[in-house]
Amino acid sequence: MSLDDLLRRNQAWAATKVRADPAFFTRQMGGQQPHMLWIGCADSRVPAEQILDCGPGELFIHRNVANIVAYNDINIAAVVQYATHHLAVPDIVVCGHYGCGGVAAACAERNLSGYIGDWLFITEGARREVDAQLAREKREATPDEFLRLVVEANVRLQISHLGRLSVLRECWAHTPGVPRLHGWVYDMATGLIKVIVDGRPGGSG
């Protein structure tokens, strides 16, 4: 698919929206009130809006390789601050996905070099958690099961990192418990989401 094809698709999409709702784009100019902040993987097969059947203005989105929340990442810290302080989103979701290439690369035997290696090293704790879990259960996992478990553990790990950001601790000091933190995993094989950490009142995780 060429860039010209994509531009033609844009024109067709905009025309379709206007035909169905002449005020569609005018309303978008009035500001945004997203329901939540989505921190997801940059994988092109995991588009938040389509997965949740949402339209423009409903989600505030940050994506990176392996849906990582790094303490020293000014980018994600600024996104979280804007989402919480200026947009007042009540919920933040970290969403991983089964079949994540970043998680698979982090679990591979060979060491990754360069920026991607440095970045994926942040997931190391997730792999260790799964190794320890399997050791406690005195069993081995198939390669596919192991990667699925690490994807889930990585979501829990990044939720933990998120909760340690000063910008969120400041929010909770003023409004305890808000924003709520949730951990999800998307299954590309079914299109469904599995809740790993349920941050809703009475939820588990």
N, C-alpha and C. Protein backbone atom coordinates (compact mmCIF):
# COMPACT_ATOMS: atom_id res chain seq x y z
N MET A 1 0.84 -1.19 0.00
CA MET A 1 0.00 0.00 0.00
C MET A 1 0.89 1.25 0.00
N SER A 2 0.64 2.15 -0.95
CA SER A 2 1.46 3.35 -1.06
C SER A 2 0.90 4.49 -0.20
N LEU A 3 1.71 5.53 -0.04
CA LEU A 3 1.24 6.71 0.69
C LEU A 3 0.06 7.36 -0.03
N ASP A 4 0.08 7.33 -1.35
CA ASP A 4 -1.04 7.89 -2.11
C ASP A 4 -2.33 7.13 -1.80
N ASP A 5 -2.22 5.81 -1.68
CA ASP A 5 -3.39 5.01 -1.32
C ASP A 5 -3.94 5.44 0.03
N LEU A 6 -3.04 5.65 0.99
CA LEU A 6 -3.47 6.06 2.33
C LEU A 6 -4.13 7.44 2.31
N LEU A 7 -3.58 8.35 1.53
CA LEU A 7 -4.19 9.69 1.43
C LEU A 7 -5.56 9.62 0.79
N ARG A 8 -5.73 8.76 -0.20
CA ARG A 8 -7.06 8.58 -0.81
C ARG A 8 -8.04 7.99 0.20
N ARG A 9 -7.55 7.07 1.02
CA ARG A 9 -8.40 6.50 2.07
C ARG A 9 -8.83 7.59 3.05
N ASN A 10 -7.90 8.49 3.38
CA ASN A 10 -8.23 9.58 4.29
C ASN A 10 -9.34 10.46 3.71
N GLN A 11 -9.22 10.79 2.44
CA GLN A 11 -10.23 11.62 1.80
C GLN A 11 -11.59 10.93 1.79
N ALA A 12 -11.58 9.64 1.50
CA ALA A 12 -12.84 8.89 1.48
C ALA A 12 -13.45 8.80 2.87
N TRP A 13 -12.60 8.57 3.86
CA TRP A 13 -13.08 8.48 5.25
C TRP A 13 -13.70 9.80 5.69
N ALA A 14 -13.00 10.92 5.43
CA ALA A 14 -13.51 12.23 5.84
C ALA A 14 -14.84 12.52 5.14
N ALA A 15 -14.94 12.20 3.86
CA ALA A 15 -16.18 12.45 3.13
C ALA A 15 -17.33 11.62 3.68
N THR A 16 -17.03 10.37 4.03
CA THR A 16 -18.06 9.49 4.59
C THR A 16 -18.57 10.02 5.92
N LYS A 17 -17.65 10.50 6.77
CA LYS A 17 -18.04 11.04 8.07
C LYS A 17 -18.94 12.26 7.91
N VAL A 18 -18.59 13.14 6.99
CA VAL A 18 -19.38 14.36 6.79
C VAL A 18 -20.77 14.02 6.24
N ARG A 19 -20.84 13.07 5.32
CA ARG A 19 -22.14 12.68 4.78
C ARG A 19 -23.05 12.12 5.88
N ALA A 20 -22.47 11.31 6.77
CA ALA A 20 -23.26 10.71 7.84
C ALA A 20 -23.59 11.69 8.95
N ASP A 21 -22.68 12.65 9.18
CA ASP A 21 -22.84 13.59 10.30
C ASP A 21 -22.11 14.87 9.94
N PRO A 22 -22.82 15.87 9.36
CA PRO A 22 -22.16 17.10 8.91
C PRO A 22 -21.40 17.85 10.00
N ALA A 23 -21.77 17.66 11.26
CA ALA A 23 -21.11 18.39 12.36
C ALA A 23 -20.02 17.57 13.04
N PHE A 24 -19.67 16.41 12.47
CA PHE A 24 -18.72 15.51 13.12
C PHE A 24 -17.40 16.20 13.44
N PHE A 25 -16.78 16.82 12.45
CA PHE A 25 -15.47 17.43 12.67
C PHE A 25 -15.56 18.72 13.46
N THR A 26 -16.66 19.43 13.34
CA THR A 26 -16.85 20.64 14.14
C THR A 26 -16.86 20.30 15.62
N ARG A 27 -17.52 19.21 15.97
CA ARG A 27 -17.56 18.80 17.39
C ARG A 27 -16.17 18.43 17.90
N GLN A 28 -15.34 17.83 17.05
CA GLN A 28 -14.00 17.46 17.49
C GLN A 28 -13.17 18.67 17.89
N MET A 29 -13.47 19.81 17.26
CA MET A 29 -12.71 21.02 17.56
C MET A 29 -13.05 21.60 18.92
N GLY A 30 -14.12 21.11 19.53
CA GLY A 30 -14.55 21.66 20.81
C GLY A 30 -13.77 21.16 22.00
N GLY A 31 -12.86 20.22 21.81
CA GLY A 31 -12.06 19.70 22.91
C GLY A 31 -12.26 18.21 23.09
N GLN A 32 -11.49 17.63 23.99
CA GLN A 32 -11.56 16.19 24.21
C GLN A 32 -11.87 15.87 25.67
N GLN A 33 -12.64 14.83 25.88
CA GLN A 33 -12.95 14.33 27.21
C GLN A 33 -12.84 12.80 27.20
N PRO A 34 -11.63 12.27 27.06
CA PRO A 34 -11.46 10.82 26.97
C PRO A 34 -11.86 10.11 28.25
N HIS A 35 -12.33 8.87 28.08
CA HIS A 35 -12.77 8.08 29.23
C HIS A 35 -11.58 7.51 30.00
N MET A 36 -10.48 7.28 29.30
CA MET A 36 -9.34 6.66 29.98
C MET A 36 -8.06 6.90 29.19
N LEU A 37 -6.94 6.64 29.86
CA LEU A 37 -5.62 6.62 29.22
C LEU A 37 -5.25 5.18 28.95
N TRP A 38 -4.94 4.89 27.70
CA TRP A 38 -4.52 3.55 27.27
C TRP A 38 -3.02 3.56 27.03
N ILE A 39 -2.29 2.74 27.76
CA ILE A 39 -0.86 2.56 27.53
C ILE A 39 -0.69 1.17 26.92
N GLY A 40 -0.41 1.14 25.62
CA GLY A 40 -0.38 -0.13 24.91
C GLY A 40 0.88 -0.34 24.12
N CYS A 41 0.96 -1.49 23.48
CA CYS A 41 2.10 -1.83 22.65
C CYS A 41 2.00 -1.13 21.30
N ALA A 42 3.14 -0.84 20.72
CA ALA A 42 3.17 -0.17 19.42
C ALA A 42 2.84 -1.12 18.27
N ASP A 43 2.65 -2.39 18.53
CA ASP A 43 2.32 -3.36 17.49
C ASP A 43 1.14 -2.87 16.65
N SER A 44 1.30 -2.88 15.35
CA SER A 44 0.28 -2.32 14.45
C SER A 44 -1.01 -3.12 14.44
N ARG A 45 -0.98 -4.32 15.01
CA ARG A 45 -2.18 -5.16 15.04
C ARG A 45 -3.01 -4.96 16.29
N VAL A 46 -2.63 -3.99 17.12
CA VAL A 46 -3.33 -3.77 18.39
C VAL A 46 -3.80 -2.32 18.48
N PRO A 47 -4.73 -1.91 17.62
CA PRO A 47 -5.23 -0.53 17.64
C PRO A 47 -6.33 -0.35 18.69
N ALA A 48 -6.09 0.47 19.67
CA ALA A 48 -7.00 0.59 20.82
C ALA A 48 -8.42 0.95 20.42
N GLU A 49 -8.56 1.94 19.53
CA GLU A 49 -9.91 2.40 19.19
C GLU A 49 -10.74 1.29 18.56
N GLN A 50 -10.17 0.53 17.65
CA GLN A 50 -10.93 -0.55 17.03
C GLN A 50 -11.25 -1.66 18.01
N ILE A 51 -10.28 -2.02 18.85
CA ILE A 51 -10.48 -3.10 19.81
C ILE A 51 -11.64 -2.78 20.76
N LEU A 52 -11.72 -1.53 21.19
CA LEU A 52 -12.76 -1.12 22.14
C LEU A 52 -13.96 -0.47 21.46
N ASP A 53 -13.95 -0.44 20.13
CA ASP A 53 -15.05 0.15 19.36
C ASP A 53 -15.32 1.59 19.82
N CYS A 54 -14.26 2.38 19.87
CA CYS A 54 -14.36 3.78 20.29
C CYS A 54 -14.10 4.71 19.11
N GLY A 55 -14.63 5.92 19.22
CA GLY A 55 -14.41 6.92 18.20
C GLY A 55 -13.43 7.98 18.66
N PRO A 56 -13.16 8.99 17.83
CA PRO A 56 -12.26 10.08 18.20
C PRO A 56 -12.71 10.76 19.49
N GLY A 57 -11.75 11.06 20.35
CA GLY A 57 -12.04 11.77 21.58
C GLY A 57 -12.38 10.90 22.77
N GLU A 58 -12.52 9.57 22.56
CA GLU A 58 -12.93 8.70 23.66
C GLU A 58 -11.76 8.11 24.43
N LEU A 59 -10.59 7.99 23.79
CA LEU A 59 -9.42 7.41 24.44
C LEU A 59 -8.23 8.34 24.29
N PHE A 60 -7.42 8.44 25.35
CA PHE A 60 -6.14 9.13 25.29
C PHE A 60 -5.10 8.02 25.23
N ILE A 61 -4.21 8.02 24.24
CA ILE A 61 -3.42 6.83 23.94
C ILE A 61 -1.93 7.12 23.92
N HIS A 62 -1.19 6.21 24.58
CA HIS A 62 0.28 6.20 24.48
C HIS A 62 0.68 4.77 24.13
N ARG A 63 1.55 4.62 23.12
CA ARG A 63 1.99 3.29 22.72
C ARG A 63 3.51 3.26 22.58
N ASN A 64 4.10 2.15 22.98
CA ASN A 64 5.52 1.94 22.79
C ASN A 64 5.78 0.44 22.69
N VAL A 65 7.00 0.06 22.40
CA VAL A 65 7.35 -1.35 22.27
C VAL A 65 7.16 -2.06 23.61
N ALA A 66 6.29 -3.06 23.63
CA ALA A 66 6.04 -3.92 24.80
C ALA A 66 5.34 -3.20 25.94
N ASN A 67 4.61 -2.12 25.62
CA ASN A 67 3.79 -1.39 26.63
C ASN A 67 4.52 -1.21 27.96
N ILE A 68 5.67 -0.57 27.88
CA ILE A 68 6.54 -0.40 29.05
C ILE A 68 6.32 0.97 29.70
N VAL A 69 6.32 0.97 31.02
CA VAL A 69 6.32 2.21 31.79
C VAL A 69 7.68 2.32 32.46
N ALA A 70 8.52 3.20 31.94
CA ALA A 70 9.89 3.36 32.46
C ALA A 70 9.97 4.59 33.35
N TYR A 71 10.67 4.45 34.46
CA TYR A 71 10.77 5.55 35.41
C TYR A 71 11.43 6.79 34.80
N ASN A 72 12.37 6.58 33.91
CA ASN A 72 13.13 7.71 33.36
C ASN A 72 12.61 8.17 32.00
N ASP A 73 11.40 7.74 31.63
CA ASP A 73 10.84 8.09 30.33
C ASP A 73 10.00 9.37 30.48
N ILE A 74 10.57 10.50 30.08
CA ILE A 74 9.86 11.76 30.20
C ILE A 74 8.60 11.77 29.33
N ASN A 75 8.66 11.09 28.22
CA ASN A 75 7.53 11.03 27.31
C ASN A 75 6.29 10.47 28.01
N ILE A 76 6.41 9.27 28.58
CA ILE A 76 5.24 8.67 29.20
C ILE A 76 4.82 9.43 30.47
N ALA A 77 5.78 9.98 31.19
CA ALA A 77 5.44 10.77 32.37
C ALA A 77 4.62 12.00 31.99
N ALA A 78 4.99 12.64 30.87
CA ALA A 78 4.24 13.81 30.40
C ALA A 78 2.84 13.41 29.96
N VAL A 79 2.73 12.26 29.29
CA VAL A 79 1.41 11.77 28.87
C VAL A 79 0.53 11.51 30.09
N VAL A 80 1.08 10.84 31.09
CA VAL A 80 0.31 10.54 32.31
C VAL A 80 -0.10 11.82 33.01
N GLN A 81 0.83 12.78 33.09
CA GLN A 81 0.51 14.04 33.75
C GLN A 81 -0.59 14.80 33.02
N TYR A 82 -0.51 14.84 31.70
CA TYR A 82 -1.53 15.56 30.93
C TYR A 82 -2.88 14.86 31.08
N ALA A 83 -2.86 13.52 31.01
CA ALA A 83 -4.11 12.77 31.11
C ALA A 83 -4.78 12.95 32.47
N THR A 84 -3.99 12.99 33.52
CA THR A 84 -4.56 13.06 34.87
C THR A 84 -4.82 14.49 35.33
N HIS A 85 -3.88 15.40 35.07
CA HIS A 85 -4.01 16.75 35.59
C HIS A 85 -4.88 17.64 34.73
N HIS A 86 -4.87 17.42 33.43
CA HIS A 86 -5.60 18.32 32.53
C HIS A 86 -6.87 17.70 31.95
N LEU A 87 -6.84 16.40 31.71
CA LEU A 87 -8.02 15.74 31.16
C LEU A 87 -8.83 15.00 32.22
N ALA A 88 -8.25 14.83 33.39
CA ALA A 88 -8.93 14.21 34.54
C ALA A 88 -9.48 12.83 34.20
N VAL A 89 -8.69 12.02 33.50
CA VAL A 89 -9.16 10.67 33.19
C VAL A 89 -9.25 9.86 34.49
N PRO A 90 -10.34 9.13 34.69
CA PRO A 90 -10.49 8.38 35.93
C PRO A 90 -9.83 7.01 35.91
N ASP A 91 -9.45 6.52 34.72
CA ASP A 91 -8.90 5.18 34.61
C ASP A 91 -7.70 5.16 33.67
N ILE A 92 -6.68 4.37 34.04
CA ILE A 92 -5.51 4.14 33.19
C ILE A 92 -5.37 2.64 32.99
N VAL A 93 -5.26 2.24 31.73
CA VAL A 93 -5.11 0.83 31.39
C VAL A 93 -3.73 0.60 30.77
N VAL A 94 -3.00 -0.38 31.29
CA VAL A 94 -1.82 -0.89 30.61
C VAL A 94 -2.27 -2.17 29.90
N CYS A 95 -2.18 -2.18 28.58
CA CYS A 95 -2.67 -3.33 27.81
C CYS A 95 -1.54 -3.97 27.01
N GLY A 96 -1.21 -5.20 27.37
CA GLY A 96 -0.27 -5.98 26.58
C GLY A 96 -1.03 -6.84 25.59
N HIS A 97 -0.33 -7.70 24.89
CA HIS A 97 -1.01 -8.61 23.97
C HIS A 97 -0.20 -9.88 23.81
N TYR A 98 -0.92 -11.00 23.71
CA TYR A 98 -0.27 -12.27 23.45
C TYR A 98 0.39 -12.23 22.08
N GLY A 99 1.51 -12.90 21.95
CA GLY A 99 2.26 -12.86 20.71
C GLY A 99 3.09 -11.60 20.57
N CYS A 100 3.38 -10.93 21.68
CA CYS A 100 4.15 -9.69 21.65
C CYS A 100 5.60 -9.97 21.24
N GLY A 101 6.03 -9.39 20.14
CA GLY A 101 7.39 -9.60 19.67
C GLY A 101 8.43 -9.03 20.61
N GLY A 102 8.10 -7.93 21.28
CA GLY A 102 9.04 -7.34 22.22
C GLY A 102 9.28 -8.25 23.41
N VAL A 103 8.22 -8.81 23.96
CA VAL A 103 8.36 -9.73 25.08
C VAL A 103 9.12 -10.99 24.64
N ALA A 104 8.80 -11.50 23.46
CA ALA A 104 9.50 -12.68 22.95
C ALA A 104 10.99 -12.41 22.79
N ALA A 105 11.32 -11.22 22.28
CA ALA A 105 12.73 -10.87 22.10
C ALA A 105 13.44 -10.75 23.45
N ALA A 106 12.73 -10.20 24.44
CA ALA A 106 13.33 -10.05 25.76
C ALA A 106 13.59 -11.40 26.42
N CYS A 107 12.80 -12.41 26.04
CA CYS A 107 12.96 -13.75 26.62
C CYS A 107 13.92 -14.63 25.84
N ALA A 108 14.35 -14.18 24.68
CA ALA A 108 15.22 -14.99 23.83
C ALA A 108 16.59 -15.17 24.47
N GLU A 109 17.27 -16.21 24.06
CA GLU A 109 18.58 -16.52 24.64
C GLU A 109 19.62 -15.47 24.29
N ARG A 110 19.57 -14.95 23.06
CA ARG A 110 20.59 -13.99 22.66
C ARG A 110 20.30 -12.61 23.24
N ASN A 111 21.35 -11.88 23.55
CA ASN A 111 21.22 -10.54 24.10
C ASN A 111 20.96 -9.53 22.98
N LEU A 112 19.98 -8.68 23.18
CA LEU A 112 19.68 -7.64 22.20
C LEU A 112 20.60 -6.45 22.42
N SER A 113 21.04 -5.84 21.35
CA SER A 113 21.91 -4.67 21.47
C SER A 113 21.15 -3.41 21.10
N GLY A 114 21.78 -2.29 21.36
CA GLY A 114 21.21 -1.00 20.96
C GLY A 114 20.06 -0.56 21.85
N TYR A 115 19.34 0.44 21.37
CA TYR A 115 18.25 1.02 22.15
C TYR A 115 17.16 0.00 22.47
N ILE A 116 16.83 -0.87 21.50
CA ILE A 116 15.76 -1.83 21.73
C ILE A 116 16.13 -2.80 22.84
N GLY A 117 17.41 -3.18 22.90
CA GLY A 117 17.87 -4.05 23.98
C GLY A 117 17.78 -3.37 25.33
N ASP A 118 18.21 -2.11 25.38
CA ASP A 118 18.13 -1.34 26.63
C ASP A 118 16.68 -1.21 27.08
N TRP A 119 15.81 -0.94 26.12
CA TRP A 119 14.40 -0.71 26.44
C TRP A 119 13.74 -1.99 26.95
N LEU A 120 13.96 -3.10 26.26
CA LEU A 120 13.31 -4.35 26.64
C LEU A 120 13.89 -4.95 27.91
N PHE A 121 15.07 -4.51 28.31
CA PHE A 121 15.64 -4.99 29.58
C PHE A 121 14.73 -4.63 30.75
N ILE A 122 13.89 -3.60 30.56
CA ILE A 122 12.96 -3.18 31.62
C ILE A 122 11.95 -4.27 31.92
N THR A 123 11.72 -5.20 30.98
CA THR A 123 10.77 -6.29 31.21
C THR A 123 11.39 -7.48 31.94
N GLU A 124 12.68 -7.40 32.25
CA GLU A 124 13.39 -8.53 32.82
C GLU A 124 12.69 -9.10 34.05
N GLY A 125 12.14 -8.22 34.87
CA GLY A 125 11.46 -8.67 36.09
C GLY A 125 10.28 -9.56 35.80
N ALA A 126 9.60 -9.36 34.67
CA ALA A 126 8.46 -10.20 34.31
C ALA A 126 8.91 -11.63 34.03
N ARG A 127 9.99 -11.78 33.29
CA ARG A 127 10.50 -13.13 33.01
C ARG A 127 10.93 -13.82 34.30
N ARG A 128 11.59 -13.08 35.17
CA ARG A 128 12.02 -13.68 36.44
C ARG A 128 10.81 -14.12 37.28
N GLU A 129 9.75 -13.34 37.25
CA GLU A 129 8.55 -13.69 38.01
C GLU A 129 7.97 -15.02 37.53
N VAL A 130 7.92 -15.18 36.21
CA VAL A 130 7.37 -16.42 35.65
C VAL A 130 8.30 -17.60 35.96
N ASP A 131 9.61 -17.40 35.86
CA ASP A 131 10.56 -18.46 36.22
C ASP A 131 10.33 -18.91 37.66
N ALA A 132 10.15 -17.95 38.56
CA ALA A 132 9.94 -18.27 39.97
C ALA A 132 8.60 -18.98 40.18
N GLN A 133 7.58 -18.53 39.46
CA GLN A 133 6.26 -19.16 39.58
C GLN A 133 6.32 -20.63 39.15
N LEU A 134 6.96 -20.89 38.03
CA LEU A 134 7.07 -22.27 37.55
C LEU A 134 7.90 -23.13 38.49
N ALA A 135 8.93 -22.52 39.09
CA ALA A 135 9.76 -23.26 40.05
C ALA A 135 8.94 -23.63 41.28
N ARG A 136 8.11 -22.70 41.76
CA ARG A 136 7.26 -22.99 42.92
C ARG A 136 6.28 -24.12 42.61
N GLU A 137 5.76 -24.09 41.39
CA GLU A 137 4.79 -25.12 40.98
C GLU A 137 5.46 -26.41 40.53
N LYS A 138 6.79 -26.40 40.47
CA LYS A 138 7.58 -27.57 40.08
C LYS A 138 7.10 -28.14 38.75
N ARG A 139 7.02 -27.27 37.76
CA ARG A 139 6.60 -27.71 36.44
C ARG A 139 7.30 -26.89 35.37
N GLU A 140 7.23 -27.38 34.16
CA GLU A 140 7.75 -26.66 33.01
C GLU A 140 6.60 -26.20 32.14
N ALA A 141 6.81 -25.12 31.42
CA ALA A 141 5.79 -24.60 30.50
C ALA A 141 6.27 -24.77 29.07
N THR A 142 5.34 -24.94 28.16
CA THR A 142 5.69 -24.94 26.75
C THR A 142 6.17 -23.53 26.39
N PRO A 143 6.93 -23.39 25.32
CA PRO A 143 7.38 -22.04 24.93
C PRO A 143 6.23 -21.06 24.76
N ASP A 144 5.12 -21.51 24.18
CA ASP A 144 3.98 -20.60 23.97
C ASP A 144 3.36 -20.20 25.29
N GLU A 145 3.17 -21.17 26.21
CA GLU A 145 2.59 -20.85 27.51
C GLU A 145 3.52 -19.92 28.28
N PHE A 146 4.82 -20.17 28.20
CA PHE A 146 5.78 -19.33 28.92
C PHE A 146 5.67 -17.88 28.46
N LEU A 147 5.61 -17.65 27.15
CA LEU A 147 5.52 -16.28 26.64
C LEU A 147 4.20 -15.63 27.04
N ARG A 148 3.12 -16.40 27.04
CA ARG A 148 1.83 -15.85 27.47
C ARG A 148 1.90 -15.42 28.94
N LEU A 149 2.53 -16.25 29.76
CA LEU A 149 2.67 -15.91 31.18
C LEU A 149 3.54 -14.67 31.37
N VAL A 150 4.60 -14.54 30.57
CA VAL A 150 5.47 -13.37 30.69
C VAL A 150 4.74 -12.11 30.21
N VAL A 151 3.93 -12.22 29.17
CA VAL A 151 3.13 -11.07 28.72
C VAL A 151 2.24 -10.59 29.87
N GLU A 152 1.58 -11.51 30.57
CA GLU A 152 0.72 -11.14 31.69
C GLU A 152 1.55 -10.55 32.84
N ALA A 153 2.68 -11.18 33.13
CA ALA A 153 3.54 -10.68 34.21
C ALA A 153 4.08 -9.30 33.87
N ASN A 154 4.36 -9.06 32.59
CA ASN A 154 4.87 -7.74 32.18
C ASN A 154 3.82 -6.66 32.39
N VAL A 155 2.56 -6.99 32.16
CA VAL A 155 1.50 -6.02 32.43
C VAL A 155 1.46 -5.68 33.92
N ARG A 156 1.54 -6.70 34.77
CA ARG A 156 1.55 -6.44 36.21
C ARG A 156 2.77 -5.61 36.61
N LEU A 157 3.92 -5.91 36.01
CA LEU A 157 5.14 -5.16 36.31
C LEU A 157 5.00 -3.70 35.93
N GLN A 158 4.45 -3.43 34.76
CA GLN A 158 4.32 -2.04 34.31
C GLN A 158 3.26 -1.28 35.12
N ILE A 159 2.24 -1.99 35.60
CA ILE A 159 1.28 -1.38 36.52
C ILE A 159 2.00 -0.95 37.81
N SER A 160 2.89 -1.81 38.27
CA SER A 160 3.68 -1.48 39.46
C SER A 160 4.55 -0.26 39.21
N HIS A 161 5.22 -0.20 38.05
CA HIS A 161 6.03 0.97 37.71
C HIS A 161 5.16 2.22 37.65
N LEU A 162 4.00 2.10 37.04
CA LEU A 162 3.10 3.23 36.89
C LEU A 162 2.70 3.81 38.25
N GLY A 163 2.39 2.92 39.17
CA GLY A 163 1.97 3.37 40.49
C GLY A 163 3.05 4.05 41.30
N ARG A 164 4.30 3.92 40.85
CA ARG A 164 5.40 4.57 41.56
C ARG A 164 5.77 5.94 40.97
N LEU A 165 5.15 6.32 39.87
CA LEU A 165 5.43 7.63 39.29
C LEU A 165 4.93 8.74 40.22
N SER A 166 5.75 9.76 40.43
CA SER A 166 5.38 10.84 41.34
C SER A 166 4.11 11.54 40.91
N VAL A 167 3.89 11.63 39.59
CA VAL A 167 2.70 12.33 39.11
C VAL A 167 1.43 11.62 39.57
N LEU A 168 1.45 10.30 39.65
CA LEU A 168 0.28 9.58 40.13
C LEU A 168 0.17 9.63 41.65
N ARG A 169 1.30 9.57 42.33
CA ARG A 169 1.26 9.68 43.78
C ARG A 169 0.69 11.03 44.22
N GLU A 170 0.97 12.07 43.43
CA GLU A 170 0.39 13.39 43.70
C GLU A 170 -1.12 13.37 43.51
N CYS A 171 -1.58 12.69 42.47
CA CYS A 171 -3.03 12.58 42.23
C CYS A 171 -3.71 11.88 43.40
N TRP A 172 -3.14 10.76 43.84
CA TRP A 172 -3.75 9.98 44.90
C TRP A 172 -3.73 10.72 46.24
N ALA A 173 -2.76 11.62 46.42
CA ALA A 173 -2.71 12.41 47.65
C ALA A 173 -3.92 13.34 47.74
N HIS A 174 -4.41 13.79 46.58
CA HIS A 174 -5.57 14.69 46.55
C HIS A 174 -6.88 13.93 46.42
N THR A 175 -6.88 12.87 45.62
CA THR A 175 -8.09 12.07 45.40
C THR A 175 -7.71 10.60 45.50
N PRO A 176 -7.76 10.03 46.71
CA PRO A 176 -7.32 8.64 46.90
C PRO A 176 -8.02 7.67 45.94
N GLY A 177 -7.20 6.84 45.29
CA GLY A 177 -7.74 5.80 44.43
C GLY A 177 -8.06 6.20 43.01
N VAL A 178 -7.94 7.49 42.70
CA VAL A 178 -8.26 7.97 41.34
C VAL A 178 -7.06 8.75 40.80
N PRO A 179 -6.57 8.38 39.63
CA PRO A 179 -7.12 7.40 38.68
C PRO A 179 -6.89 5.95 39.12
N ARG A 180 -7.80 5.09 38.69
CA ARG A 180 -7.69 3.66 38.93
C ARG A 180 -6.78 3.03 37.89
N LEU A 181 -6.00 2.04 38.29
CA LEU A 181 -5.05 1.39 37.39
C LEU A 181 -5.54 -0.02 37.04
N HIS A 182 -5.51 -0.35 35.76
CA HIS A 182 -6.01 -1.63 35.27
C HIS A 182 -4.96 -2.27 34.36
N GLY A 183 -4.89 -3.58 34.39
CA GLY A 183 -4.00 -4.32 33.51
C GLY A 183 -4.78 -5.28 32.63
N TRP A 184 -4.64 -5.15 31.34
CA TRP A 184 -5.36 -6.00 30.39
C TRP A 184 -4.37 -6.68 29.44
N VAL A 185 -4.80 -7.77 28.84
CA VAL A 185 -4.05 -8.41 27.76
C VAL A 185 -5.02 -8.70 26.62
N TYR A 186 -4.64 -8.29 25.42
CA TYR A 186 -5.45 -8.51 24.23
C TYR A 186 -4.99 -9.78 23.54
N ASP A 187 -5.96 -10.61 23.14
CA ASP A 187 -5.66 -11.85 22.44
C ASP A 187 -5.98 -11.67 20.96
N MET A 188 -4.96 -11.58 20.13
CA MET A 188 -5.17 -11.38 18.70
C MET A 188 -5.89 -12.55 18.05
N ALA A 189 -5.83 -13.72 18.66
CA ALA A 189 -6.46 -14.90 18.07
C ALA A 189 -7.98 -14.87 18.21
N THR A 190 -8.48 -14.10 19.18
CA THR A 190 -9.93 -14.06 19.42
C THR A 190 -10.51 -12.65 19.34
N GLY A 191 -9.65 -11.63 19.46
CA GLY A 191 -10.13 -10.26 19.51
C GLY A 191 -10.61 -9.85 20.88
N LEU A 192 -10.43 -10.70 21.88
CA LEU A 192 -10.96 -10.43 23.22
C LEU A 192 -9.86 -9.98 24.18
N ILE A 193 -10.29 -9.28 25.22
CA ILE A 193 -9.38 -8.77 26.25
C ILE A 193 -9.54 -9.58 27.53
N LYS A 194 -8.42 -9.94 28.13
CA LYS A 194 -8.40 -10.61 29.43
C LYS A 194 -7.97 -9.61 30.50
N VAL A 195 -8.74 -9.50 31.57
CA VAL A 195 -8.39 -8.59 32.66
C VAL A 195 -7.38 -9.27 33.57
N ILE A 196 -6.22 -8.67 33.72
CA ILE A 196 -5.15 -9.19 34.56
C ILE A 196 -5.13 -8.49 35.91
N VAL A 197 -5.30 -7.18 35.90
CA VAL A 197 -5.40 -6.37 37.12
C VAL A 197 -6.67 -5.57 37.02
N ASP A 198 -7.60 -5.81 37.92
CA ASP A 198 -8.89 -5.12 37.91
C ASP A 198 -8.87 -4.01 38.96
N GLY A 199 -8.72 -2.78 38.50
CA GLY A 199 -8.61 -1.65 39.41
C GLY A 199 -9.93 -1.07 39.85
N ARG A 200 -11.03 -1.67 39.43
CA ARG A 200 -12.34 -1.18 39.83
C ARG A 200 -12.60 -1.51 41.29
N PRO A 201 -13.44 -0.73 41.99
CA PRO A 201 -13.76 -1.05 43.37
C PRO A 201 -14.28 -2.49 43.48
N GLY A 202 -13.65 -3.27 44.35
CA GLY A 202 -14.03 -4.65 44.50
C GLY A 202 -13.37 -5.57 43.51
N GLY A 203 -12.58 -5.02 42.59
CA GLY A 203 -11.91 -5.84 41.59
C GLY A 203 -10.73 -6.58 42.19
N SER A 204 -10.16 -7.48 41.43
CA SER A 204 -9.02 -8.26 41.90
C SER A 204 -7.81 -7.96 41.03
N GLY A 205 -6.64 -8.36 41.51
CA GLY A 205 -5.45 -8.18 40.70
C GLY A 205 -4.24 -7.93 41.54
